[in-house]
């Protein structure tokens, strides 16, 4: 009986000590390793706004297709008013290294993309639909953009989130779900996978708002949608057209209506 009582007392004492310690952090939490702050898309510390929600101040695009509607920049192309590839350019800033946040939505089956580090005034490499020429006249190169694009085409199977080089021979460099290392037009190598291209598509919202983040640092580009990394591109060519300072812009193509709002940029260089 005495042994049994001693064991019970020891177990009770251990339980009390455990209860007192259960809210204490494990030892490793006291070392210098800490977790980053939680994801906060609406954290704008150090950012500046690119769109005031009411006007197209500092934006330049064809007014046949671009307007402000209900606090969003809206681009619309229809069968009666076709745009082909058309862009609206933010002329208030050029940036090379930055973090860009915006919300984007597409109605219907068409597509869009956000240009960054992009140039205007360069020759257009691709044929233009005669219907577009009949509607808007010759291509206005001041409204055409060349450079990196964060693709957004929710109705298409593979494109949204990818790294696309608009109006250059490089075209698609990193598909959704890929980490790619390249050297301008000379090479591109798959270095790793983020996830399955179709599984990642489930994160993209059709006919609804999506939170998009683009990070550009040196030759490294990261596309994030709704908190999920979609593509990483690394261009090691310092002379690449991807690796220059340039404009932010919005693209419309095909027959569609797109909306962009809440555009903020944290410019580092």
Protein backbone atom coordinates (compact mmCIF):
# COMPACT_ATOMS: atom_id res chain seq x y z
CA UNK A 1 0.00 0.00 0.00
CA UNK A 2 2.82 2.42 0.88
CA UNK A 3 4.47 1.86 -2.53
CA UNK A 4 1.17 2.33 -4.33
CA UNK A 5 0.48 5.55 -2.42
CA UNK A 6 3.95 6.85 -3.26
CA UNK A 7 3.42 6.16 -6.97
CA UNK A 8 0.02 7.91 -6.93
CA UNK A 9 1.51 10.96 -5.17
CA UNK A 10 4.32 11.12 -7.74
CA UNK A 11 1.87 10.90 -10.64
CA UNK A 12 -0.31 13.64 -9.16
CA UNK A 13 2.72 15.87 -8.65
CA UNK A 14 3.81 15.29 -12.22
CA UNK A 15 0.31 16.16 -13.48
CA UNK A 16 0.30 19.41 -11.53
CA UNK A 17 3.71 20.39 -12.90
CA UNK A 18 2.60 19.52 -16.42
CA UNK A 19 -0.56 21.61 -16.00
CA UNK A 20 1.53 24.55 -14.85
CA UNK A 21 3.90 24.21 -17.84
CA UNK A 22 1.40 23.43 -20.59
CA UNK A 23 1.09 27.09 -21.63
CA UNK A 24 4.83 27.63 -21.70
CA UNK A 25 6.49 27.66 -25.13
CA UNK A 26 8.94 24.88 -25.97
CA UNK A 27 12.57 25.72 -25.49
CA UNK A 28 13.19 26.26 -29.20
CA UNK A 29 10.77 29.20 -29.20
CA UNK A 30 13.19 31.08 -26.98
CA UNK A 31 15.99 30.97 -29.53
CA UNK A 32 16.48 33.66 -32.22
CA UNK A 33 14.38 31.89 -34.90
CA UNK A 34 11.04 33.63 -35.47
CA UNK A 35 8.16 33.28 -37.90
CA UNK A 36 7.41 36.05 -40.44
CA UNK A 37 4.31 38.17 -40.02
CA UNK A 38 1.14 36.55 -41.43
CA UNK A 39 0.13 37.26 -45.04
CA UNK A 40 -1.64 40.63 -45.21
CA UNK A 41 -2.53 41.68 -48.74
CA UNK A 42 -3.82 45.01 -47.42
CA UNK A 43 -0.55 45.94 -45.73
CA UNK A 44 0.54 49.04 -47.66
CA UNK A 45 3.35 50.29 -45.45
CA UNK A 46 6.05 51.68 -47.76
CA UNK A 47 3.74 51.45 -50.80
CA UNK A 48 2.27 54.16 -53.01
CA UNK A 49 -1.04 53.91 -54.85
CA UNK A 50 -1.07 53.79 -58.66
CA UNK A 51 -4.82 54.36 -59.00
CA UNK A 52 -6.99 56.82 -57.08
CA UNK A 53 -10.18 54.85 -57.71
CA UNK A 54 -11.86 57.74 -59.53
CA UNK A 55 -9.73 58.96 -62.44
CA UNK A 56 -7.09 57.74 -64.89
CA UNK A 57 -4.58 60.33 -63.69
CA UNK A 58 -1.09 59.38 -64.99
CA UNK A 59 -2.57 56.51 -67.03
CA UNK A 60 -2.42 56.49 -70.82
CA UNK A 61 -4.52 54.21 -73.01
CA UNK A 62 -7.02 54.23 -75.84
CA UNK A 63 -10.25 55.74 -74.44
CA UNK A 64 -12.28 53.52 -76.77
CA UNK A 65 -11.45 50.63 -74.45
CA UNK A 66 -10.35 52.04 -71.06
CA UNK A 67 -12.38 53.86 -68.40
CA UNK A 68 -13.06 54.04 -64.66
CA UNK A 69 -16.13 52.23 -63.39
CA UNK A 70 -17.22 51.65 -59.77
CA UNK A 71 -13.74 52.26 -58.37
CA UNK A 72 -11.94 50.05 -60.90
CA UNK A 73 -9.93 50.53 -64.06
CA UNK A 74 -12.03 48.78 -66.70
CA UNK A 75 -10.92 47.55 -70.10
CA UNK A 76 -13.62 46.30 -72.45
CA UNK A 77 -13.40 44.77 -75.90
CA UNK A 78 -16.48 43.57 -77.75
CA UNK A 79 -17.36 42.22 -81.18
CA UNK A 80 -18.75 45.64 -82.04
CA UNK A 81 -15.69 47.45 -80.60
CA UNK A 82 -12.72 45.06 -80.86
CA UNK A 83 -9.44 46.09 -79.26
CA UNK A 84 -7.03 43.31 -80.15
CA UNK A 85 -4.00 43.67 -77.88
CA UNK A 86 -4.51 46.97 -76.10
CA UNK A 87 -2.75 48.40 -73.04
CA UNK A 88 -3.16 51.20 -70.57
CA UNK A 89 0.18 52.43 -69.22
CA UNK A 90 0.93 54.03 -65.86
CA UNK A 91 3.25 56.89 -66.87
CA UNK A 92 3.73 58.25 -63.36
CA UNK A 93 6.64 55.94 -62.51
CA UNK A 94 9.24 53.57 -63.88
CA UNK A 95 10.44 50.80 -61.57
CA UNK A 96 12.90 47.93 -61.64
CA UNK A 97 12.89 46.37 -58.16
CA UNK A 98 9.53 46.43 -56.41
CA UNK A 99 6.58 44.60 -54.93
CA UNK A 100 3.29 45.22 -56.74
CA UNK A 101 -0.14 44.35 -55.35
CA UNK A 102 -3.46 44.62 -57.14
CA UNK A 103 -6.87 42.99 -57.43
CA UNK A 104 -8.08 41.75 -60.80
CA UNK A 105 -11.24 40.22 -62.24
CA UNK A 106 -12.23 39.10 -65.73
CA UNK A 107 -15.79 38.70 -66.95
CA UNK A 108 -16.33 36.02 -69.54
CA UNK A 109 -13.80 34.02 -71.50
CA UNK A 110 -11.18 36.59 -72.43
CA UNK A 111 -7.90 37.42 -70.79
CA UNK A 112 -5.60 40.03 -69.41
CA UNK A 113 -2.23 40.49 -67.83
CA UNK A 114 -0.28 43.05 -65.86
CA UNK A 115 2.80 44.41 -67.58
CA UNK A 116 5.79 45.49 -65.50
CA UNK A 117 9.34 46.59 -66.30
CA UNK A 118 7.82 47.22 -69.71
CA UNK A 119 8.54 49.68 -72.51
CA UNK A 120 6.36 51.56 -74.98
CA UNK A 121 7.10 52.75 -78.49
CA UNK A 122 8.83 49.58 -79.67
CA UNK A 123 7.87 47.89 -82.96
CA UNK A 124 5.00 45.41 -82.66
CA UNK A 125 6.11 41.91 -83.65
CA UNK A 126 2.76 40.25 -84.33
CA UNK A 127 0.08 40.64 -87.00
CA UNK A 128 -2.97 42.74 -86.16
CA UNK A 129 -6.50 41.56 -86.97
CA UNK A 130 -7.90 43.61 -89.89
CA UNK A 131 -11.12 44.09 -87.89
CA UNK A 132 -9.09 45.80 -85.16
CA UNK A 133 -7.29 48.01 -87.68
CA UNK A 134 -10.65 48.97 -89.21
CA UNK A 135 -11.94 49.88 -85.75
CA UNK A 136 -8.96 51.76 -84.26
CA UNK A 137 -6.68 52.53 -87.18
CA UNK A 138 -2.92 51.81 -87.36
CA UNK A 139 -1.18 50.50 -84.25
CA UNK A 140 -0.32 53.30 -81.83
CA UNK A 141 3.00 52.16 -80.36
CA UNK A 142 2.58 54.52 -77.40
CA UNK A 143 -0.25 52.24 -76.30
CA UNK A 144 1.62 48.97 -76.90
CA UNK A 145 3.85 47.39 -74.26
CA UNK A 146 6.92 45.15 -74.45
CA UNK A 147 8.28 43.32 -71.43
CA UNK A 148 7.42 40.98 -68.54
CA UNK A 149 3.80 40.10 -67.92
CA UNK A 150 1.99 38.49 -65.00
CA UNK A 151 -0.59 36.58 -67.01
CA UNK A 152 -4.25 36.41 -66.01
CA UNK A 153 -6.70 34.40 -68.13
CA UNK A 154 -8.94 32.38 -65.77
CA UNK A 155 -10.92 30.64 -68.53
CA UNK A 156 -7.74 29.26 -70.14
CA UNK A 157 -6.31 26.06 -68.70
CA UNK A 158 -2.65 26.88 -68.31
CA UNK A 159 -1.80 30.57 -68.51
CA UNK A 160 -2.89 32.41 -65.38
CA UNK A 161 0.04 33.08 -63.07
CA UNK A 162 2.75 32.28 -65.59
CA UNK A 163 5.69 34.53 -66.51
CA UNK A 164 5.26 35.77 -70.07
CA UNK A 165 7.56 38.07 -72.02
CA UNK A 166 5.22 40.22 -74.10
CA UNK A 167 6.22 41.18 -77.66
CA UNK A 168 9.63 39.45 -77.47
CA UNK A 169 10.95 36.12 -78.85
CA UNK A 170 11.08 34.69 -75.30
CA UNK A 171 7.28 34.36 -74.90
CA UNK A 172 6.38 31.93 -72.06
CA UNK A 173 9.40 31.47 -69.81
CA UNK A 174 7.90 29.97 -66.65
CA UNK A 175 4.56 28.18 -66.76
CA UNK A 176 2.32 28.10 -63.71
CA UNK A 177 3.81 25.71 -61.17
CA UNK A 178 7.42 26.11 -62.34
CA UNK A 179 10.69 27.56 -61.07
CA UNK A 180 12.76 28.35 -64.16
CA UNK A 181 16.32 29.59 -64.55
CA UNK A 182 17.17 31.18 -67.88
CA UNK A 183 19.44 33.53 -69.78
CA UNK A 184 17.34 35.83 -71.96
CA UNK A 185 16.60 34.12 -75.29
CA UNK A 186 19.46 31.63 -74.99
CA UNK A 187 18.18 29.13 -72.44
CA UNK A 188 15.51 28.20 -69.94
CA UNK A 189 15.79 25.27 -67.54
CA UNK A 190 13.26 23.84 -65.14
CA UNK A 191 14.85 23.94 -61.67
CA UNK A 192 11.89 22.81 -59.58
CA UNK A 193 8.14 22.55 -59.26
CA UNK A 194 5.80 24.57 -57.09
CA UNK A 195 2.83 22.33 -57.75
CA UNK A 196 0.72 20.70 -60.43
CA UNK A 197 -0.40 23.24 -63.03
CA UNK A 198 -4.05 22.12 -62.82
CA UNK A 199 -4.15 21.83 -59.03
CA UNK A 200 -2.91 25.42 -58.78
CA UNK A 201 -5.69 26.48 -61.17
CA UNK A 202 -8.23 25.68 -58.42
CA UNK A 203 -6.96 28.68 -56.44
CA UNK A 204 -7.87 31.09 -59.25
CA UNK A 205 -11.36 32.58 -59.01
CA UNK A 206 -13.39 32.90 -62.21
CA UNK A 207 -15.66 35.93 -62.59
CA UNK A 208 -14.52 37.15 -59.17
CA UNK A 209 -11.76 39.23 -57.61
CA UNK A 210 -8.27 37.76 -57.22
CA UNK A 211 -5.42 39.18 -55.17
CA UNK A 212 -2.27 39.28 -57.26
CA UNK A 213 1.26 40.06 -56.04
CA UNK A 214 4.32 40.49 -58.27
CA UNK A 215 7.81 40.64 -56.75
CA UNK A 216 10.74 41.74 -58.91
CA UNK A 217 14.26 41.79 -57.48
CA UNK A 218 17.19 41.88 -59.87
CA UNK A 219 16.71 38.95 -62.23
CA UNK A 220 14.19 37.17 -59.97
CA UNK A 221 10.44 37.39 -60.57
CA UNK A 222 7.74 35.84 -58.36
CA UNK A 223 4.02 35.71 -59.19
CA UNK A 224 1.58 35.09 -56.32
CA UNK A 225 -2.21 34.75 -56.60
CA UNK A 226 -4.49 34.62 -53.56
CA UNK A 227 -1.48 33.91 -51.35
CA UNK A 228 -0.17 31.01 -53.47
CA UNK A 229 3.13 31.20 -55.39
CA UNK A 230 2.31 30.42 -59.01
CA UNK A 231 5.59 30.89 -60.91
CA UNK A 232 9.19 31.90 -60.32
CA UNK A 233 11.45 33.09 -63.13
CA UNK A 234 15.15 33.83 -62.81
CA UNK A 235 16.77 35.61 -65.77
CA UNK A 236 20.55 35.69 -65.33
CA UNK A 237 21.22 37.86 -68.39
CA UNK A 238 21.87 41.43 -67.15
CA UNK A 239 21.19 42.70 -70.69
CA UNK A 240 17.83 40.93 -70.99
CA UNK A 241 14.77 43.04 -71.75
CA UNK A 242 13.32 41.49 -68.59
CA UNK A 243 16.02 43.12 -66.46
CA UNK A 244 15.44 46.81 -67.09
CA UNK A 245 13.43 49.54 -65.41
CA UNK A 246 10.05 50.06 -67.00
CA UNK A 247 6.37 50.88 -66.75
CA UNK A 248 3.44 49.07 -65.13
CA UNK A 249 0.44 48.55 -67.40
CA UNK A 250 -2.72 46.53 -67.94
CA UNK A 251 -3.49 44.48 -71.04
CA UNK A 252 -6.75 43.55 -72.66
CA UNK A 253 -7.05 41.08 -75.52
CA UNK A 254 -9.81 39.04 -77.09
CA UNK A 255 -13.49 39.80 -76.39
CA UNK A 256 -13.76 40.43 -72.70
CA UNK A 257 -14.18 42.90 -69.85
CA UNK A 258 -11.51 43.22 -67.19
CA UNK A 259 -11.36 45.10 -63.90
CA UNK A 260 -8.33 46.15 -61.86
CA UNK A 261 -8.38 47.99 -58.54
CA UNK A 262 -6.43 48.50 -55.34
CA UNK A 263 -3.06 48.89 -57.13
CA UNK A 264 -0.11 49.56 -54.83
CA UNK A 265 3.63 49.46 -55.45
CA UNK A 266 6.59 49.43 -53.08
CA UNK A 267 9.44 50.69 -55.23
CA UNK A 268 12.96 49.83 -54.15
CA UNK A 269 14.82 50.78 -57.34
